[in-house]
Amino acid sequence: MKAVIETGGKQYYVEEGTVLYVEKMDAEPGKAIEFDKVLMANGVVGRPYVTGAKVTAEVIKHGKQKKIIVYKYKQKKNYHKTQGHRQPYTKVQIKSIVSK
């Protein structure tokens, strides 16, 4: 089965066994979490969500992505500013997709 889920303001196309990097969630590694905001499940499109559908996943780990450099510059004003950012993420593996 295939599904489209929504989490962290983003949409993900998933199948069973898919490994995703999603926005950081409050869950311990090794625990199961459920995504109930399912936009599509097995070809059935919801309005906006499919009723009774849920996707179960297991949290693998938490971490931070690679650092990106944010550089601000204004010409002729002697203004330079360098800043780094590392976005936190949660790595999850999809275990099952249930559609009613």
PDB file of N, CA and C in Angstrom:
ATOM      1  N   MET A   1       0.829  -1.184   0.000  1.00  0.00           N
ATOM      2  CA  MET A   1       0.000   0.000   0.000  1.00  0.00           C
ATOM      3  C   MET A   1       0.871   1.244   0.000  1.00  0.00           C
ATOM      4  N   LYS A   2       0.318   2.298  -0.556  1.00  0.00           N
ATOM      5  CA  LYS A   2       1.010   3.572  -0.622  1.00  0.00           C
ATOM      6  C   LYS A   2       0.106   4.643  -0.033  1.00  0.00           C
ATOM      7  N   ALA A   3       0.730   5.681   0.491  1.00  0.00           N
ATOM      8  CA  ALA A   3      -0.045   6.750   1.114  1.00  0.00           C
ATOM      9  C   ALA A   3       0.716   8.062   1.022  1.00  0.00           C
ATOM     10  N   VAL A   4      -0.033   9.149   1.184  1.00  0.00           N
ATOM     11  CA  VAL A   4       0.548  10.482   1.314  1.00  0.00           C
ATOM     12  C   VAL A   4       0.140  10.991   2.686  1.00  0.00           C
ATOM     13  N   ILE A   5       1.144  11.334   3.513  1.00  0.00           N
ATOM     14  CA  ILE A   5       0.870  11.814   4.863  1.00  0.00           C
ATOM     15  C   ILE A   5       1.338  13.254   4.994  1.00  0.00           C
ATOM     16  N   GLU A   6       0.799  13.919   6.001  1.00  0.00           N
ATOM     17  CA  GLU A   6       1.188  15.295   6.282  1.00  0.00           C
ATOM     18  C   GLU A   6       1.720  15.364   7.706  1.00  0.00           C
ATOM     19  N   THR A   7       2.917  15.916   7.865  1.00  0.00           N
ATOM     20  CA  THR A   7       3.493  16.127   9.181  1.00  0.00           C
ATOM     21  C   THR A   7       4.504  17.263   9.100  1.00  0.00           C
ATOM     22  N   GLY A   8       4.501  18.109  10.100  1.00  0.00           N
ATOM     23  CA  GLY A   8       5.441  19.223  10.136  1.00  0.00           C
ATOM     24  C   GLY A   8       5.230  20.219   9.013  1.00  0.00           C
ATOM     25  N   GLY A   9       4.008  20.320   8.490  1.00  0.00           N
ATOM     26  CA  GLY A   9       3.734  21.259   7.411  1.00  0.00           C
ATOM     27  C   GLY A   9       4.173  20.787   6.047  1.00  0.00           C
ATOM     28  N   LYS A  10       4.621  19.541   5.942  1.00  0.00           N
ATOM     29  CA  LYS A  10       5.085  18.982   4.674  1.00  0.00           C
ATOM     30  C   LYS A  10       4.316  17.702   4.364  1.00  0.00           C
ATOM     31  N   GLN A  11       4.312  17.327   3.099  1.00  0.00           N
ATOM     32  CA  GLN A  11       3.642  16.111   2.672  1.00  0.00           C
ATOM     33  C   GLN A  11       4.682  15.113   2.193  1.00  0.00           C
ATOM     34  N   TYR A  12       4.477  13.839   2.518  1.00  0.00           N
ATOM     35  CA  TYR A  12       5.422  12.776   2.172  1.00  0.00           C
ATOM     36  C   TYR A  12       4.681  11.616   1.525  1.00  0.00           C
ATOM     37  N   TYR A  13       5.234  11.098   0.442  1.00  0.00           N
ATOM     38  CA  TYR A  13       4.705   9.920  -0.242  1.00  0.00           C
ATOM     39  C   TYR A  13       5.420   8.717   0.339  1.00  0.00           C
ATOM     40  N   VAL A  14       4.688   7.789   0.971  1.00  0.00           N
ATOM     41  CA  VAL A  14       5.316   6.698   1.711  1.00  0.00           C
ATOM     42  C   VAL A  14       4.753   5.341   1.307  1.00  0.00           C
ATOM     43  N   GLU A  15       5.566   4.313   1.529  1.00  0.00           N
ATOM     44  CA  GLU A  15       5.173   2.909   1.421  1.00  0.00           C
ATOM     45  C   GLU A  15       5.663   2.223   2.686  1.00  0.00           C
ATOM     46  N   GLU A  16       5.271   0.981   2.888  1.00  0.00           N
ATOM     47  CA  GLU A  16       5.773   0.241   4.049  1.00  0.00           C
ATOM     48  C   GLU A  16       7.263   0.011   3.870  1.00  0.00           C
ATOM     49  N   GLY A  17       8.035   0.302   4.905  1.00  0.00           N
ATOM     50  CA  GLY A  17       9.477   0.147   4.856  1.00  0.00           C
ATOM     51  C   GLY A  17      10.224   1.418   4.493  1.00  0.00           C
ATOM     52  N   THR A  18       9.522   2.485   4.120  1.00  0.00           N
ATOM     53  CA  THR A  18      10.165   3.747   3.751  1.00  0.00           C
ATOM     54  C   THR A  18      10.804   4.396   4.969  1.00  0.00           C
ATOM     55  N   VAL A  19      12.001   4.946   4.800  1.00  0.00           N
ATOM     56  CA  VAL A  19      12.686   5.678   5.862  1.00  0.00           C
ATOM     57  C   VAL A  19      12.605   7.166   5.527  1.00  0.00           C
ATOM     58  N   LEU A  20      12.111   7.967   6.471  1.00  0.00           N
ATOM     59  CA  LEU A  20      11.902   9.401   6.259  1.00  0.00           C
ATOM     60  C   LEU A  20      12.665  10.219   7.289  1.00  0.00           C
ATOM     61  N   TYR A  21      13.037  11.413   6.887  1.00  0.00           N
ATOM     62  CA  TYR A  21      13.561  12.419   7.799  1.00  0.00           C
ATOM     63  C   TYR A  21      12.497  13.503   7.886  1.00  0.00           C
ATOM     64  N   VAL A  22      11.802  13.603   9.023  1.00  0.00           N
ATOM     65  CA  VAL A  22      10.723  14.570   9.201  1.00  0.00           C
ATOM     66  C   VAL A  22      11.139  15.600  10.247  1.00  0.00           C
ATOM     67  N   GLU A  23      10.332  16.646  10.381  1.00  0.00           N
ATOM     68  CA  GLU A  23      10.593  17.653  11.397  1.00  0.00           C
ATOM     69  C   GLU A  23      10.591  17.001  12.775  1.00  0.00           C
ATOM     70  N   LYS A  24      11.384  17.551  13.700  1.00  0.00           N
ATOM     71  CA  LYS A  24      11.554  16.939  15.021  1.00  0.00           C
ATOM     72  C   LYS A  24      10.216  16.719  15.727  1.00  0.00           C
ATOM     73  N   MET A  25      10.059  15.509  16.285  1.00  0.00           N
ATOM     74  CA  MET A  25       8.844  15.132  16.991  1.00  0.00           C
ATOM     75  C   MET A  25       9.187  14.718  18.417  1.00  0.00           C
ATOM     76  N   ASP A  26       8.194  14.817  19.312  1.00  0.00           N
ATOM     77  CA  ASP A  26       8.383  14.392  20.702  1.00  0.00           C
ATOM     78  C   ASP A  26       8.074  12.905  20.819  1.00  0.00           C
ATOM     79  N   ALA A  27       9.068  12.070  20.606  1.00  0.00           N
ATOM     80  CA  ALA A  27       8.916  10.621  20.743  1.00  0.00           C
ATOM     81  C   ALA A  27      10.294  10.029  20.983  1.00  0.00           C
ATOM     82  N   GLU A  28      10.353   9.042  21.823  1.00  0.00           N
ATOM     83  CA  GLU A  28      11.617   8.379  22.140  1.00  0.00           C
ATOM     84  C   GLU A  28      12.015   7.430  21.005  1.00  0.00           C
ATOM     85  N   PRO A  29      13.306   7.289  20.733  1.00  0.00           N
ATOM     86  CA  PRO A  29      13.742   6.305  19.737  1.00  0.00           C
ATOM     87  C   PRO A  29      13.300   4.896  20.132  1.00  0.00           C
ATOM     88  N   GLY A  30      12.785   4.152  19.158  1.00  0.00           N
ATOM     89  CA  GLY A  30      12.276   2.814  19.406  1.00  0.00           C
ATOM     90  C   GLY A  30      10.778   2.759  19.625  1.00  0.00           C
ATOM     91  N   LYS A  31      10.155   3.898  19.854  1.00  0.00           N
ATOM     92  CA  LYS A  31       8.716   3.950  20.095  1.00  0.00           C
ATOM     93  C   LYS A  31       7.956   4.064  18.771  1.00  0.00           C
ATOM     94  N   ALA A  32       6.701   3.646  18.785  1.00  0.00           N
ATOM     95  CA  ALA A  32       5.847   3.739  17.600  1.00  0.00           C
ATOM     96  C   ALA A  32       5.026   5.028  17.664  1.00  0.00           C
ATOM     97  N   ILE A  33       4.848   5.664  16.504  1.00  0.00           N
ATOM     98  CA  ILE A  33       4.008   6.850  16.405  1.00  0.00           C
ATOM     99  C   ILE A  33       3.018   6.641  15.273  1.00  0.00           C
ATOM    100  N   GLU A  34       1.910   7.369  15.330  1.00  0.00           N
ATOM    101  CA  GLU A  34       0.882   7.249  14.297  1.00  0.00           C
ATOM    102  C   GLU A  34       0.673   8.593  13.624  1.00  0.00           C
ATOM    103  N   PHE A  35       0.567   8.560  12.307  1.00  0.00           N
ATOM    104  CA  PHE A  35       0.213   9.739  11.531  1.00  0.00           C
ATOM    105  C   PHE A  35      -1.245   9.569  11.128  1.00  0.00           C
ATOM    106  N   ASP A  36      -2.115  10.447  11.628  1.00  0.00           N
ATOM    107  CA  ASP A  36      -3.530  10.327  11.290  1.00  0.00           C
ATOM    108  C   ASP A  36      -3.952  11.313  10.207  1.00  0.00           C
ATOM    109  N   LYS A  37      -3.065  12.223   9.825  1.00  0.00           N
ATOM    110  CA  LYS A  37      -3.354  13.147   8.730  1.00  0.00           C
ATOM    111  C   LYS A  37      -2.926  12.495   7.417  1.00  0.00           C
ATOM    112  N   VAL A  38      -3.764  11.613   6.915  1.00  0.00           N
ATOM    113  CA  VAL A  38      -3.479  10.869   5.690  1.00  0.00           C
ATOM    114  C   VAL A  38      -4.276  11.518   4.555  1.00  0.00           C
ATOM    115  N   LEU A  39      -3.575  12.044   3.555  1.00  0.00           N
ATOM    116  CA  LEU A  39      -4.216  12.724   2.432  1.00  0.00           C
ATOM    117  C   LEU A  39      -4.670  11.745   1.354  1.00  0.00           C
ATOM    118  N   MET A  40      -3.928  10.640   1.190  1.00  0.00           N
ATOM    119  CA  MET A  40      -4.278   9.621   0.213  1.00  0.00           C
ATOM    120  C   MET A  40      -3.823   8.276   0.744  1.00  0.00           C
ATOM    121  N   ALA A  41      -4.661   7.266   0.579  1.00  0.00           N
ATOM    122  CA  ALA A  41      -4.300   5.921   1.017  1.00  0.00           C
ATOM    123  C   ALA A  41      -4.821   4.918  -0.003  1.00  0.00           C
ATOM    124  N   ASN A  42      -3.904   4.195  -0.634  1.00  0.00           N
ATOM    125  CA  ASN A  42      -4.243   3.139  -1.586  1.00  0.00           C
ATOM    126  C   ASN A  42      -5.147   3.632  -2.718  1.00  0.00           C
ATOM    127  N   GLY A  43      -4.842   4.832  -3.231  1.00  0.00           N
ATOM    128  CA  GLY A  43      -5.605   5.379  -4.350  1.00  0.00           C
ATOM    129  C   GLY A  43      -6.852   6.144  -3.963  1.00  0.00           C
ATOM    130  N   VAL A  44      -7.236   6.139  -2.693  1.00  0.00           N
ATOM    131  CA  VAL A  44      -8.404   6.879  -2.218  1.00  0.00           C
ATOM    132  C   VAL A  44      -7.942   8.239  -1.717  1.00  0.00           C
ATOM    133  N   VAL A  45      -8.474   9.297  -2.326  1.00  0.00           N
ATOM    134  CA  VAL A  45      -8.079  10.655  -1.964  1.00  0.00           C
ATOM    135  C   VAL A  45      -9.087  11.219  -0.976  1.00  0.00           C
ATOM    136  N   GLY A  46      -8.586  11.833   0.093  1.00  0.00           N
ATOM    137  CA  GLY A  46      -9.456  12.395   1.113  1.00  0.00           C
ATOM    138  C   GLY A  46      -9.809  13.841   0.831  1.00  0.00           C
ATOM    139  N   ARG A  47     -10.776  14.366   1.606  1.00  0.00           N
ATOM    140  CA  ARG A  47     -11.195  15.755   1.463  1.00  0.00           C
ATOM    141  C   ARG A  47     -11.223  16.420   2.821  1.00  0.00           C
ATOM    142  N   PRO A  48     -10.209  16.934   3.407  1.00  0.00           N
ATOM    143  CA  PRO A  48      -8.823  16.857   2.960  1.00  0.00           C
ATOM    144  C   PRO A  48      -8.123  15.573   3.404  1.00  0.00           C
ATOM    145  N   TYR A  49      -8.659  14.896   4.446  1.00  0.00           N
ATOM    146  CA  TYR A  49      -8.017  13.684   4.947  1.00  0.00           C
ATOM    147  C   TYR A  49      -8.921  12.468   4.725  1.00  0.00           C
ATOM    148  N   VAL A  50      -8.299  11.300   4.600  1.00  0.00           N
ATOM    149  CA  VAL A  50      -9.040  10.050   4.462  1.00  0.00           C
ATOM    150  C   VAL A  50      -9.509   9.628   5.855  1.00  0.00           C
ATOM    151  N   THR A  51     -10.818   9.438   6.021  1.00  0.00           N
ATOM    152  CA  THR A  51     -11.339   9.072   7.343  1.00  0.00           C
ATOM    153  C   THR A  51     -11.004   7.619   7.660  1.00  0.00           C
ATOM    154  N   GLY A  52     -10.555   7.382   8.871  1.00  0.00           N
ATOM    155  CA  GLY A  52     -10.238   6.037   9.325  1.00  0.00           C
ATOM    156  C   GLY A  52      -8.894   5.514   8.888  1.00  0.00           C
ATOM    157  N   ALA A  53      -8.132   6.303   8.155  1.00  0.00           N
ATOM    158  CA  ALA A  53      -6.813   5.849   7.696  1.00  0.00           C
ATOM    159  C   ALA A  53      -5.735   6.337   8.659  1.00  0.00           C
ATOM    160  N   LYS A  54      -4.727   5.504   8.868  1.00  0.00           N
ATOM    161  CA  LYS A  54      -3.596   5.906   9.698  1.00  0.00           C
ATOM    162  C   LYS A  54      -2.346   5.180   9.235  1.00  0.00           C
ATOM    163  N   VAL A  55      -1.231   5.812   9.482  1.00  0.00           N
ATOM    164  CA  VAL A  55       0.073   5.259   9.119  1.00  0.00           C
ATOM    165  C   VAL A  55       0.879   5.130  10.401  1.00  0.00           C
ATOM    166  N   THR A  56       1.404   3.940  10.656  1.00  0.00           N
ATOM    167  CA  THR A  56       2.202   3.682  11.855  1.00  0.00           C
ATOM    168  C   THR A  56       3.673   3.645  11.475  1.00  0.00           C
ATOM    169  N   ALA A  57       4.488   4.313  12.296  1.00  0.00           N
ATOM    170  CA  ALA A  57       5.926   4.374  12.033  1.00  0.00           C
ATOM    171  C   ALA A  57       6.684   4.177  13.336  1.00  0.00           C
ATOM    172  N   GLU A  58       7.957   3.811  13.201  1.00  0.00           N
ATOM    173  CA  GLU A  58       8.833   3.640  14.369  1.00  0.00           C
ATOM    174  C   GLU A  58       9.925   4.694  14.319  1.00  0.00           C
ATOM    175  N   VAL A  59      10.159   5.361  15.451  1.00  0.00           N
ATOM    176  CA  VAL A  59      11.202   6.375  15.538  1.00  0.00           C
ATOM    177  C   VAL A  59      12.548   5.672  15.628  1.00  0.00           C
ATOM    178  N   ILE A  60      13.451   6.016  14.713  1.00  0.00           N
ATOM    179  CA  ILE A  60      14.781   5.398  14.710  1.00  0.00           C
ATOM    180  C   ILE A  60      15.763   6.243  15.517  1.00  0.00           C
ATOM    181  N   LYS A  61      15.821   7.549  15.219  1.00  0.00           N
ATOM    182  CA  LYS A  61      16.738   8.420  15.962  1.00  0.00           C
ATOM    183  C   LYS A  61      16.364   9.877  15.750  1.00  0.00           C
ATOM    184  N   HIS A  62      16.979  10.736  16.564  1.00  0.00           N
ATOM    185  CA  HIS A  62      16.880  12.185  16.427  1.00  0.00           C
ATOM    186  C   HIS A  62      18.260  12.703  16.064  1.00  0.00           C
ATOM    187  N   GLY A  63      18.317  13.831  15.387  1.00  0.00           N
ATOM    188  CA  GLY A  63      19.610  14.400  15.043  1.00  0.00           C
ATOM    189  C   GLY A  63      19.470  15.789  14.463  1.00  0.00           C
ATOM    190  N   LYS A  64      20.585  16.295  13.946  1.00  0.00           N
ATOM    191  CA  LYS A  64      20.605  17.597  13.289  1.00  0.00           C
ATOM    192  C   LYS A  64      21.207  17.432  11.903  1.00  0.00           C
ATOM    193  N   GLN A  65      20.680  18.202  10.950  1.00  0.00           N
ATOM    194  CA  GLN A  65      21.189  18.143   9.588  1.00  0.00           C
ATOM    195  C   GLN A  65      22.526  18.867   9.503  1.00  0.00           C
ATOM    196  N   LYS A  66      23.145  18.822   8.325  1.00  0.00           N
ATOM    197  CA  LYS A  66      24.404  19.527   8.122  1.00  0.00           C
ATOM    198  C   LYS A  66      24.192  21.022   8.255  1.00  0.00           C
ATOM    199  N   LYS A  67      25.244  21.713   8.665  1.00  0.00           N
ATOM    200  CA  LYS A  67      25.146  23.145   8.873  1.00  0.00           C
ATOM    201  C   LYS A  67      25.058  23.872   7.536  1.00  0.00           C
ATOM    202  N   ILE A  68      24.154  24.838   7.473  1.00  0.00           N
ATOM    203  CA  ILE A  68      24.107  25.734   6.324  1.00  0.00           C
ATOM    204  C   ILE A  68      24.568  27.102   6.799  1.00  0.00           C
ATOM    205  N   ILE A  69      25.183  27.839   5.920  1.00  0.00           N
ATOM    206  CA  ILE A  69      25.693  29.164   6.244  1.00  0.00           C
ATOM    207  C   ILE A  69      24.723  30.207   5.704  1.00  0.00           C
ATOM    208  N   VAL A  70      24.269  31.093   6.592  1.00  0.00           N
ATOM    209  CA  VAL A  70      23.411  32.208   6.199  1.00  0.00           C
ATOM    210  C   VAL A  70      24.291  33.446   6.218  1.00  0.00           C
ATOM    211  N   TYR A  71      24.492  34.062   5.055  1.00  0.00           N
ATOM    212  CA  TYR A  71      25.383  35.219   4.936  1.00  0.00           C
ATOM    213  C   TYR A  71      24.585  36.412   4.463  1.00  0.00           C
ATOM    214  N   LYS A  72      24.596  37.482   5.247  1.00  0.00           N
ATOM    215  CA  LYS A  72      23.899  38.708   4.886  1.00  0.00           C
ATOM    216  C   LYS A  72      24.935  39.783   4.569  1.00  0.00           C
ATOM    217  N   TYR A  73      24.631  40.588   3.541  1.00  0.00           N
ATOM    218  CA  TYR A  73      25.579  41.568   3.067  1.00  0.00           C
ATOM    219  C   TYR A  73      24.826  42.739   2.470  1.00  0.00           C
ATOM    220  N   LYS A  74      25.222  43.948   2.838  1.00  0.00           N
ATOM    221  CA  LYS A  74      24.676  45.154   2.220  1.00  0.00           C
ATOM    222  C   LYS A  74      25.834  45.950   1.643  1.00  0.00           C
ATOM    223  N   GLN A  75      25.757  46.157   0.349  1.00  0.00           N
ATOM    224  CA  GLN A  75      26.865  46.839  -0.310  1.00  0.00           C
ATOM    225  C   GLN A  75      26.929  48.311   0.108  1.00  0.00           C
ATOM    226  N   LYS A  76      28.129  48.826   0.117  1.00  0.00           N
ATOM    227  CA  LYS A  76      28.435  50.231   0.420  1.00  0.00           C
ATOM    228  C   LYS A  76      28.113  50.645   1.851  1.00  0.00           C
ATOM    229  N   LYS A  77      27.676  49.738   2.701  1.00  0.00           N
ATOM    230  CA  LYS A  77      27.315  50.069   4.079  1.00  0.00           C
ATOM    231  C   LYS A  77      28.210  49.384   5.103  1.00  0.00           C
ATOM    232  N   ASN A  78      29.195  48.608   4.639  1.00  0.00           N
ATOM    233  CA  ASN A  78      30.121  47.876   5.503  1.00  0.00           C
ATOM    234  C   ASN A  78      29.359  46.954   6.457  1.00  0.00           C
ATOM    235  N   TYR A  79      28.363  46.257   5.922  1.00  0.00           N
ATOM    236  CA  TYR A  79      27.548  45.347   6.732  1.00  0.00           C
ATOM    237  C   TYR A  79      27.728  43.927   6.232  1.00  0.00           C
ATOM    238  N   HIS A  80      28.269  43.063   7.089  1.00  0.00           N
ATOM    239  CA  HIS A  80      28.432  41.644   6.807  1.00  0.00           C
ATOM    240  C   HIS A  80      27.986  40.882   8.049  1.00  0.00           C
ATOM    241  N   LYS A  81      27.219  39.835   7.860  1.00  0.00           N
ATOM    242  CA  LYS A  81      26.802  39.021   8.992  1.00  0.00           C
ATOM    243  C   LYS A  81      26.776  37.567   8.545  1.00  0.00           C
ATOM    244  N   THR A  82      27.469  36.712   9.274  1.00  0.00           N
ATOM    245  CA  THR A  82      27.500  35.282   8.988  1.00  0.00           C
ATOM    246  C   THR A  82      26.827  34.551  10.141  1.00  0.00           C
ATOM    247  N   GLN A  83      25.960  33.612   9.785  1.00  0.00           N
ATOM    248  CA  GLN A  83      25.248  32.852  10.800  1.00  0.00           C
ATOM    249  C   GLN A  83      25.089  31.426  10.297  1.00  0.00           C
ATOM    250  N   GLY A  84      25.174  30.452  11.193  1.00  0.00           N
ATOM    251  CA  GLY A  84      24.986  29.053  10.831  1.00  0.00           C
ATOM    252  C   GLY A  84      23.669  28.532  11.372  1.00  0.00           C
ATOM    253  N   HIS A  85      23.134  27.484  10.724  1.00  0.00           N
ATOM    254  CA  HIS A  85      21.877  26.889  11.175  1.00  0.00           C
ATOM    255  C   HIS A  85      21.908  25.389  10.930  1.00  0.00           C
ATOM    256  N   ARG A  86      21.501  24.610  11.948  1.00  0.00           N
ATOM    257  CA  ARG A  86      21.358  23.158  11.812  1.00  0.00           C
ATOM    258  C   ARG A  86      19.941  22.789  12.210  1.00  0.00           C
ATOM    259  N   GLN A  87      19.168  22.294  11.245  1.00  0.00           N
ATOM    260  CA  GLN A  87      17.764  21.963  11.486  1.00  0.00           C
ATOM    261  C   GLN A  87      17.652  20.605  12.181  1.00  0.00           C
ATOM    262  N   PRO A  88      16.917  20.514  13.297  1.00  0.00           N
ATOM    263  CA  PRO A  88      16.726  19.213  13.940  1.00  0.00           C
ATOM    264  C   PRO A  88      15.737  18.350  13.152  1.00  0.00           C
ATOM    265  N   TYR A  89      15.934  17.036  13.198  1.00  0.00           N
ATOM    266  CA  TYR A  89      15.055  16.120  12.477  1.00  0.00           C
ATOM    267  C   TYR A  89      14.795  14.876  13.317  1.00  0.00           C
ATOM    268  N   THR A  90      13.797  14.107  12.892  1.00  0.00           N
ATOM    269  CA  THR A  90      13.505  12.795  13.460  1.00  0.00           C
ATOM    270  C   THR A  90      13.486  11.809  12.309  1.00  0.00           C
ATOM    271  N   LYS A  91      14.248  10.740  12.441  1.00  0.00           N
ATOM    272  CA  LYS A  91      14.302   9.702  11.408  1.00  0.00           C
ATOM    273  C   LYS A  91      13.292   8.621  11.782  1.00  0.00           C
ATOM    274  N   VAL A  92      12.336   8.332  10.872  1.00  0.00           N
ATOM    275  CA  VAL A  92      11.306   7.340  11.141  1.00  0.00           C
ATOM    276  C   VAL A  92      11.256   6.313  10.009  1.00  0.00           C
ATOM    277  N   GLN A  93      10.793   5.120  10.348  1.00  0.00           N
ATOM    278  CA  GLN A  93      10.580   4.061   9.350  1.00  0.00           C
ATOM    279  C   GLN A  93       9.115   3.667   9.394  1.00  0.00           C
ATOM    280  N   ILE A  94       8.479   3.640   8.207  1.00  0.00           N
ATOM    281  CA  ILE A  94       7.068   3.317   8.104  1.00  0.00           C
ATOM    282  C   ILE A  94       6.887   1.806   8.288  1.00  0.00           C
ATOM    283  N   LYS A  95       5.995   1.430   9.216  1.00  0.00           N
ATOM    284  CA  LYS A  95       5.751   0.021   9.511  1.00  0.00           C
ATOM    285  C   LYS A  95       4.483  -0.497   8.837  1.00  0.00           C
ATOM    286  N   SER A  96       3.365   0.262   8.934  1.00  0.00           N
ATOM    287  CA  SER A  96       2.114  -0.217   8.360  1.00  0.00           C
ATOM    288  C   SER A  96       1.238   0.943   7.936  1.00  0.00           C
ATOM    289  N   ILE A  97       0.406   0.668   6.925  1.00  0.00           N
ATOM    290  CA  ILE A  97      -0.576   1.625   6.438  1.00  0.00           C
ATOM    291  C   ILE A  97      -1.942   0.954   6.520  1.00  0.00           C
ATOM    292  N   VAL A  98      -2.864   1.590   7.264  1.00  0.00           N
ATOM    293  CA  VAL A  98      -4.198   1.038   7.457  1.00  0.00           C
ATOM    294  C   VAL A  98      -5.211   1.983   6.829  1.00  0.00           C
ATOM    295  N   SER A  99      -6.055   1.443   5.950  1.00  0.00           N
ATOM    296  CA  SER A  99      -7.100   2.240   5.303  1.00  0.00           C
ATOM    297  C   SER A  99      -8.436   1.500   5.460  1.00  0.00           C
ATOM    298  N   LYS A 100      -9.468   2.241   5.820  1.00  0.00           N
ATOM    299  CA  LYS A 100     -10.787   1.608   5.992  1.00  0.00           C
ATOM    300  C   LYS A 100     -11.694   1.944   4.842  1.00  0.00           C
TER     301      LYS A 100
END
